Amino acid sequence: MLLRLFCMLGPLLTVAWGQYDYYYPHRDYSYHDGYYNQYRQGFSFQCPHGEVIRSVSSVFSKKEGSDRQWNYGCMPTPQSLGEPMECWWEEINRAGTEWYQTCSNNGLVAGFQSQYFDSVLDREWQFYCCRYSHRCPYSCWMTTEHPGHYGEDMDMALDGNGYYVRGATTTFSAVDRDRLWKFIACRMTDFDCAFQNL
């Protein structure tokens, strides 16, 4: 009797299992497994209005074109900074080169945009920057290198204390086809000032 039941239900279960998407269960693909991009794909990320970048994390894959998937965390700015007066995309930092960039006009980093290039196995980058009133940066410093070595996962987070990401410098390894990042973090004045960096 049990054997007969199994013989009747076996083919039905086989067909049902074959139709089930067991490799990719149903989920929201707009936030790819916790990352804002798929390997070898361009992306654009902006913090919500009035927020700036607080953390950056990524995972590296040699087999996926020596590329990374990226995730970002945002934090609201304090009321003392006020609302953003203007926001803009900075100039593009080309793939395959080392670069250093801070937001112009005393801006803070509020997003990233990137495009992958198969020809160099690297990405070009742009910062999305926002200016808050006429506040000026001070007490700036660079983080340690993230990741610690080429090809490792990356996890950088500012612990608060009034510091904001203003830019970054990167080195690129033509051998490892990866970047090491140092983020530029600054405090912002509580008063308006006339100084502008260009």
C-alpha atoms as a PDB file:
ATOM      1  CA  MET A   1       0.000   0.000   0.000  1.00  0.00           C
ATOM      2  CA  LEU A   2       2.776   2.460   0.944  1.00  0.00           C
ATOM      3  CA  LEU A   3       4.760   1.446  -2.125  1.00  0.00           C
ATOM      4  CA  ARG A   4       1.712   2.037  -4.310  1.00  0.00           C
ATOM      5  CA  LEU A   5       1.207   5.521  -2.801  1.00  0.00           C
ATOM      6  CA  PHE A   6       4.870   6.353  -3.356  1.00  0.00           C
ATOM      7  CA  CYS A   7       4.669   5.203  -6.990  1.00  0.00           C
ATOM      8  CA  MET A   8       1.672   7.476  -7.577  1.00  0.00           C
ATOM      9  CA  LEU A   9       3.038  10.556  -5.790  1.00  0.00           C
ATOM     10  CA  GLY A  10       6.708  10.149  -6.845  1.00  0.00           C
ATOM     11  CA  PRO A  11       6.305  11.490 -10.404  1.00  0.00           C
ATOM     12  CA  LEU A  12       4.088  14.331  -9.150  1.00  0.00           C
ATOM     13  CA  LEU A  13       6.707  15.391  -6.589  1.00  0.00           C
ATOM     14  CA  THR A  14       9.447  15.192  -9.215  1.00  0.00           C
ATOM     15  CA  VAL A  15       7.552  17.526 -11.554  1.00  0.00           C
ATOM     16  CA  ALA A  16       6.736  19.938  -8.722  1.00  0.00           C
ATOM     17  CA  TRP A  17      10.385  20.008  -7.555  1.00  0.00           C
ATOM     18  CA  GLY A  18      11.569  20.655 -11.128  1.00  0.00           C
ATOM     19  CA  GLN A  19       9.296  23.685 -11.379  1.00  0.00           C
ATOM     20  CA  TYR A  20      10.452  25.141  -8.052  1.00  0.00           C
ATOM     21  CA  ASP A  21      13.186  27.751  -8.401  1.00  0.00           C
ATOM     22  CA  TYR A  22      15.414  26.250  -5.720  1.00  0.00           C
ATOM     23  CA  TYR A  23      18.548  28.071  -6.917  1.00  0.00           C
ATOM     24  CA  TYR A  24      17.012  31.515  -6.625  1.00  0.00           C
ATOM     25  CA  PRO A  25      14.079  31.596  -4.238  1.00  0.00           C
ATOM     26  CA  HIS A  26      11.729  34.511  -4.733  1.00  0.00           C
ATOM     27  CA  ARG A  27      13.226  37.696  -3.324  1.00  0.00           C
ATOM     28  CA  ASP A  28      13.661  41.368  -4.098  1.00  0.00           C
ATOM     29  CA  TYR A  29      16.550  41.724  -6.556  1.00  0.00           C
ATOM     30  CA  SER A  30      16.715  45.515  -6.293  1.00  0.00           C
ATOM     31  CA  TYR A  31      19.090  45.102  -3.318  1.00  0.00           C
ATOM     32  CA  HIS A  32      21.279  42.216  -4.531  1.00  0.00           C
ATOM     33  CA  ASP A  33      21.922  40.053  -1.468  1.00  0.00           C
ATOM     34  CA  GLY A  34      22.700  43.138   0.619  1.00  0.00           C
ATOM     35  CA  TYR A  35      24.654  44.941  -2.120  1.00  0.00           C
ATOM     36  CA  TYR A  36      23.626  47.768  -4.439  1.00  0.00           C
ATOM     37  CA  ASN A  37      25.221  46.277  -7.533  1.00  0.00           C
ATOM     38  CA  GLN A  38      25.846  43.018  -9.308  1.00  0.00           C
ATOM     39  CA  TYR A  39      29.356  42.179 -10.428  1.00  0.00           C
ATOM     40  CA  ARG A  40      30.452  43.948 -13.632  1.00  0.00           C
ATOM     41  CA  GLN A  41      27.410  46.233 -13.561  1.00  0.00           C
ATOM     42  CA  GLY A  42      27.197  49.983 -13.140  1.00  0.00           C
ATOM     43  CA  PHE A  43      25.260  51.502 -10.269  1.00  0.00           C
ATOM     44  CA  SER A  44      24.256  54.785  -8.701  1.00  0.00           C
ATOM     45  CA  PHE A  45      23.582  55.216  -4.975  1.00  0.00           C
ATOM     46  CA  GLN A  46      22.384  58.336  -3.147  1.00  0.00           C
ATOM     47  CA  CYS A  47      21.593  58.720   0.527  1.00  0.00           C
ATOM     48  CA  PRO A  48      18.130  60.082   1.318  1.00  0.00           C
ATOM     49  CA  HIS A  49      17.820  63.874   1.411  1.00  0.00           C
ATOM     50  CA  GLY A  50      19.612  65.312   4.456  1.00  0.00           C
ATOM     51  CA  GLU A  51      21.811  62.236   5.001  1.00  0.00           C
ATOM     52  CA  VAL A  52      25.459  61.522   4.174  1.00  0.00           C
ATOM     53  CA  ILE A  53      27.649  58.429   3.855  1.00  0.00           C
ATOM     54  CA  ARG A  54      28.572  56.781   7.168  1.00  0.00           C
ATOM     55  CA  SER A  55      29.827  53.344   6.071  1.00  0.00           C
ATOM     56  CA  VAL A  56      31.163  51.538   3.011  1.00  0.00           C
ATOM     57  CA  SER A  57      31.496  47.774   2.645  1.00  0.00           C
ATOM     58  CA  SER A  58      32.256  45.463  -0.254  1.00  0.00           C
ATOM     59  CA  VAL A  59      33.186  41.915  -1.213  1.00  0.00           C
ATOM     60  CA  PHE A  60      35.746  41.026  -3.891  1.00  0.00           C
ATOM     61  CA  SER A  61      35.513  38.280  -6.512  1.00  0.00           C
ATOM     62  CA  LYS A  62      38.453  37.382  -8.752  1.00  0.00           C
ATOM     63  CA  LYS A  63      36.278  35.095 -10.897  1.00  0.00           C
ATOM     64  CA  GLU A  64      33.757  37.915 -11.496  1.00  0.00           C
ATOM     65  CA  GLY A  65      36.248  40.119 -13.340  1.00  0.00           C
ATOM     66  CA  SER A  66      38.173  41.148 -10.194  1.00  0.00           C
ATOM     67  CA  ASP A  67      35.156  43.237  -9.279  1.00  0.00           C
ATOM     68  CA  ARG A  68      33.393  44.132  -6.045  1.00  0.00           C
ATOM     69  CA  GLN A  69      29.832  44.333  -4.843  1.00  0.00           C
ATOM     70  CA  TRP A  70      29.183  47.470  -2.782  1.00  0.00           C
ATOM     71  CA  ASN A  71      26.974  48.435   0.149  1.00  0.00           C
ATOM     72  CA  TYR A  72      26.601  51.857   1.765  1.00  0.00           C
ATOM     73  CA  GLY A  73      25.192  53.137   5.024  1.00  0.00           C
ATOM     74  CA  CYS A  74      23.910  56.669   5.556  1.00  0.00           C
ATOM     75  CA  MET A  75      23.417  58.850   8.616  1.00  0.00           C
ATOM     76  CA  PRO A  76      21.319  61.959   9.104  1.00  0.00           C
ATOM     77  CA  THR A  77      23.222  65.194   9.561  1.00  0.00           C
ATOM     78  CA  PRO A  78      22.611  67.148  12.780  1.00  0.00           C
ATOM     79  CA  GLN A  79      20.252  70.122  12.805  1.00  0.00           C
ATOM     80  CA  SER A  80      23.245  72.425  13.366  1.00  0.00           C
ATOM     81  CA  LEU A  81      24.314  71.803   9.748  1.00  0.00           C
ATOM     82  CA  GLY A  82      20.858  72.644   8.431  1.00  0.00           C
ATOM     83  CA  GLU A  83      19.453  71.369   5.146  1.00  0.00           C
ATOM     84  CA  PRO A  84      21.624  70.724   2.089  1.00  0.00           C
ATOM     85  CA  MET A  85      21.827  73.892  -0.003  1.00  0.00           C
ATOM     86  CA  GLU A  86      22.849  72.074  -3.174  1.00  0.00           C
ATOM     87  CA  CYS A  87      23.980  68.644  -4.349  1.00  0.00           C
ATOM     88  CA  TRP A  88      25.979  67.614  -7.427  1.00  0.00           C
ATOM     89  CA  TRP A  89      28.038  64.859  -9.042  1.00  0.00           C
ATOM     90  CA  GLU A  90      31.792  65.465  -8.942  1.00  0.00           C
ATOM     91  CA  GLU A  91      34.114  64.759 -11.873  1.00  0.00           C
ATOM     92  CA  ILE A  92      34.687  61.154 -12.922  1.00  0.00           C
ATOM     93  CA  ASN A  93      37.753  59.371 -11.553  1.00  0.00           C
ATOM     94  CA  ARG A  94      38.950  57.140 -14.387  1.00  0.00           C
ATOM     95  CA  ALA A  95      39.334  53.364 -14.193  1.00  0.00           C
ATOM     96  CA  GLY A  96      42.832  51.894 -13.943  1.00  0.00           C
ATOM     97  CA  THR A  97      44.370  54.975 -12.311  1.00  0.00           C
ATOM     98  CA  GLU A  98      45.163  56.152  -8.810  1.00  0.00           C
ATOM     99  CA  TRP A  99      43.255  59.198  -7.657  1.00  0.00           C
ATOM    100  CA  TYR A 100      42.537  61.605  -4.790  1.00  0.00           C
ATOM    101  CA  GLN A 101      39.332  63.586  -4.538  1.00  0.00           C
ATOM    102  CA  THR A 102      37.363  65.575  -2.011  1.00  0.00           C
ATOM    103  CA  CYS A 103      33.984  67.145  -2.584  1.00  0.00           C
ATOM    104  CA  SER A 104      34.394  70.656  -3.945  1.00  0.00           C
ATOM    105  CA  ASN A 105      32.678  73.662  -2.347  1.00  0.00           C
ATOM    106  CA  ASN A 106      33.072  72.138   1.160  1.00  0.00           C
ATOM    107  CA  GLY A 107      30.620  69.359   0.314  1.00  0.00           C
ATOM    108  CA  LEU A 108      30.095  66.038   2.086  1.00  0.00           C
ATOM    109  CA  VAL A 109      29.836  62.673   0.296  1.00  0.00           C
ATOM    110  CA  ALA A 110      26.206  61.584   0.041  1.00  0.00           C
ATOM    111  CA  GLY A 111      26.478  58.965  -2.687  1.00  0.00           C
ATOM    112  CA  PHE A 112      28.541  57.062  -5.227  1.00  0.00           C
ATOM    113  CA  GLN A 113      28.194  56.278  -8.898  1.00  0.00           C
ATOM    114  CA  SER A 114      30.332  53.717 -10.689  1.00  0.00           C
ATOM    115  CA  GLN A 115      30.716  51.980 -14.030  1.00  0.00           C
ATOM    116  CA  TYR A 116      32.718  48.784 -14.628  1.00  0.00           C
ATOM    117  CA  PHE A 117      35.127  48.409 -17.572  1.00  0.00           C
ATOM    118  CA  ASP A 118      36.091  44.915 -18.788  1.00  0.00           C
ATOM    119  CA  SER A 119      39.078  46.312 -20.683  1.00  0.00           C
ATOM    120  CA  VAL A 120      40.903  47.270 -17.465  1.00  0.00           C
ATOM    121  CA  LEU A 121      39.006  45.109 -14.936  1.00  0.00           C
ATOM    122  CA  ASP A 122      38.304  48.210 -12.872  1.00  0.00           C
ATOM    123  CA  ARG A 123      35.661  50.847 -12.211  1.00  0.00           C
ATOM    124  CA  GLU A 124      35.410  54.567 -12.722  1.00  0.00           C
ATOM    125  CA  TRP A 125      33.928  56.498  -9.795  1.00  0.00           C
ATOM    126  CA  GLN A 126      31.990  59.666  -9.053  1.00  0.00           C
ATOM    127  CA  PHE A 127      31.055  61.150  -5.698  1.00  0.00           C
ATOM    128  CA  TYR A 128      27.631  62.657  -5.090  1.00  0.00           C
ATOM    129  CA  CYS A 129      28.275  65.661  -2.836  1.00  0.00           C
ATOM    130  CA  CYS A 130      26.035  68.002  -0.850  1.00  0.00           C
ATOM    131  CA  ARG A 131      26.879  71.394   0.634  1.00  0.00           C
ATOM    132  CA  TYR A 132      25.404  72.464   3.963  1.00  0.00           C
ATOM    133  CA  SER A 133      25.052  76.238   4.397  1.00  0.00           C
ATOM    134  CA  HIS A 134      28.528  77.782   4.477  1.00  0.00           C
ATOM    135  CA  ARG A 135      30.084  75.243   6.840  1.00  0.00           C
ATOM    136  CA  CYS A 136      33.784  74.505   6.504  1.00  0.00           C
ATOM    137  CA  PRO A 137      35.774  71.316   7.139  1.00  0.00           C
ATOM    138  CA  TYR A 138      38.424  71.081   9.855  1.00  0.00           C
ATOM    139  CA  SER A 139      40.339  68.381  11.791  1.00  0.00           C
ATOM    140  CA  CYS A 140      40.507  66.239   8.660  1.00  0.00           C
ATOM    141  CA  TRP A 141      42.262  62.875   8.623  1.00  0.00           C
ATOM    142  CA  MET A 142      42.498  59.776   6.445  1.00  0.00           C
ATOM    143  CA  THR A 143      41.303  56.377   7.527  1.00  0.00           C
ATOM    144  CA  THR A 144      43.597  53.382   7.326  1.00  0.00           C
ATOM    145  CA  GLU A 145      43.532  51.462   4.055  1.00  0.00           C
ATOM    146  CA  HIS A 146      40.339  49.572   3.309  1.00  0.00           C
ATOM    147  CA  PRO A 147      40.561  46.699   2.722  1.00  0.00           C
ATOM    148  CA  GLY A 148      43.807  45.914   4.526  1.00  0.00           C
ATOM    149  CA  HIS A 149      45.111  43.978   1.489  1.00  0.00           C
ATOM    150  CA  TYR A 150      44.072  43.633  -2.135  1.00  0.00           C
ATOM    151  CA  GLY A 151      41.332  41.056  -2.698  1.00  0.00           C
ATOM    152  CA  GLU A 152      39.981  41.137   0.865  1.00  0.00           C
ATOM    153  CA  ASP A 153      36.473  42.138   1.909  1.00  0.00           C
ATOM    154  CA  MET A 154      36.097  45.741   2.975  1.00  0.00           C
ATOM    155  CA  ASP A 155      34.235  47.264   5.910  1.00  0.00           C
ATOM    156  CA  MET A 156      34.683  50.941   6.822  1.00  0.00           C
ATOM    157  CA  ALA A 157      32.397  52.794   9.221  1.00  0.00           C
ATOM    158  CA  LEU A 158      32.771  56.168  10.902  1.00  0.00           C
ATOM    159  CA  ASP A 159      31.851  55.912  14.564  1.00  0.00           C
ATOM    160  CA  GLY A 160      30.199  59.304  14.567  1.00  0.00           C
ATOM    161  CA  ASN A 161      31.873  61.849  16.845  1.00  0.00           C
ATOM    162  CA  GLY A 162      30.974  64.582  14.366  1.00  0.00           C
ATOM    163  CA  TYR A 163      33.107  63.287  11.478  1.00  0.00           C
ATOM    164  CA  TYR A 164      31.842  63.095   7.908  1.00  0.00           C
ATOM    165  CA  VAL A 165      33.234  61.536   4.719  1.00  0.00           C
ATOM    166  CA  ARG A 166      34.518  64.310   2.412  1.00  0.00           C
ATOM    167  CA  GLY A 167      36.368  62.218  -0.144  1.00  0.00           C
ATOM    168  CA  ALA A 168      38.863  59.439  -0.704  1.00  0.00           C
ATOM    169  CA  THR A 169      42.183  58.482  -2.190  1.00  0.00           C
ATOM    170  CA  THR A 170      42.746  55.126  -3.860  1.00  0.00           C
ATOM    171  CA  THR A 171      45.656  53.077  -5.111  1.00  0.00           C
ATOM    172  CA  PHE A 172      45.155  50.578  -7.912  1.00  0.00           C
ATOM    173  CA  SER A 173      47.094  47.340  -8.385  1.00  0.00           C
ATOM    174  CA  ALA A 174      47.510  46.309 -12.015  1.00  0.00           C
ATOM    175  CA  VAL A 175      48.498  42.828 -10.774  1.00  0.00           C
ATOM    176  CA  ASP A 176      45.611  42.219  -8.350  1.00  0.00           C
ATOM    177  CA  ARG A 177      43.134  44.372 -10.344  1.00  0.00           C
ATOM    178  CA  ASP A 178      41.804  45.840  -7.109  1.00  0.00           C
ATOM    179  CA  ARG A 179      41.844  49.108  -5.160  1.00  0.00           C
ATOM    180  CA  LEU A 180      42.807  50.096  -1.645  1.00  0.00           C
ATOM    181  CA  TRP A 181      40.809  53.039  -0.297  1.00  0.00           C
ATOM    182  CA  LYS A 182      41.598  55.673   2.332  1.00  0.00           C
ATOM    183  CA  PHE A 183      38.571  57.799   3.162  1.00  0.00           C
ATOM    184  CA  ILE A 184      38.965  61.450   4.106  1.00  0.00           C
ATOM    185  CA  ALA A 185      36.935  62.306   7.208  1.00  0.00           C
ATOM    186  CA  CYS A 186      36.434  65.819   8.589  1.00  0.00           C
ATOM    187  CA  ARG A 187      34.448  67.697  11.191  1.00  0.00           C
ATOM    188  CA  MET A 188      32.361  70.653  10.025  1.00  0.00           C
ATOM    189  CA  THR A 189      32.233  74.071  11.693  1.00  0.00           C
ATOM    190  CA  ASP A 190      29.126  75.079  13.628  1.00  0.00           C
ATOM    191  CA  PHE A 191      29.284  78.538  12.056  1.00  0.00           C
ATOM    192  CA  ASP A 192      29.346  79.937   8.536  1.00  0.00           C
ATOM    193  CA  CYS A 193      32.764  80.694   7.078  1.00  0.00           C
ATOM    194  CA  ALA A 194      34.016  82.224   3.858  1.00  0.00           C
ATOM    195  CA  PHE A 195      36.590  79.535   3.001  1.00  0.00           C
ATOM    196  CA  GLN A 196      35.941  77.363  -0.054  1.00  0.00           C
ATOM    197  CA  ASN A 197      38.008  74.513  -1.444  1.00  0.00           C
ATOM    198  CA  LEU A 198      37.748  74.236  -5.214  1.00  0.00           C
END
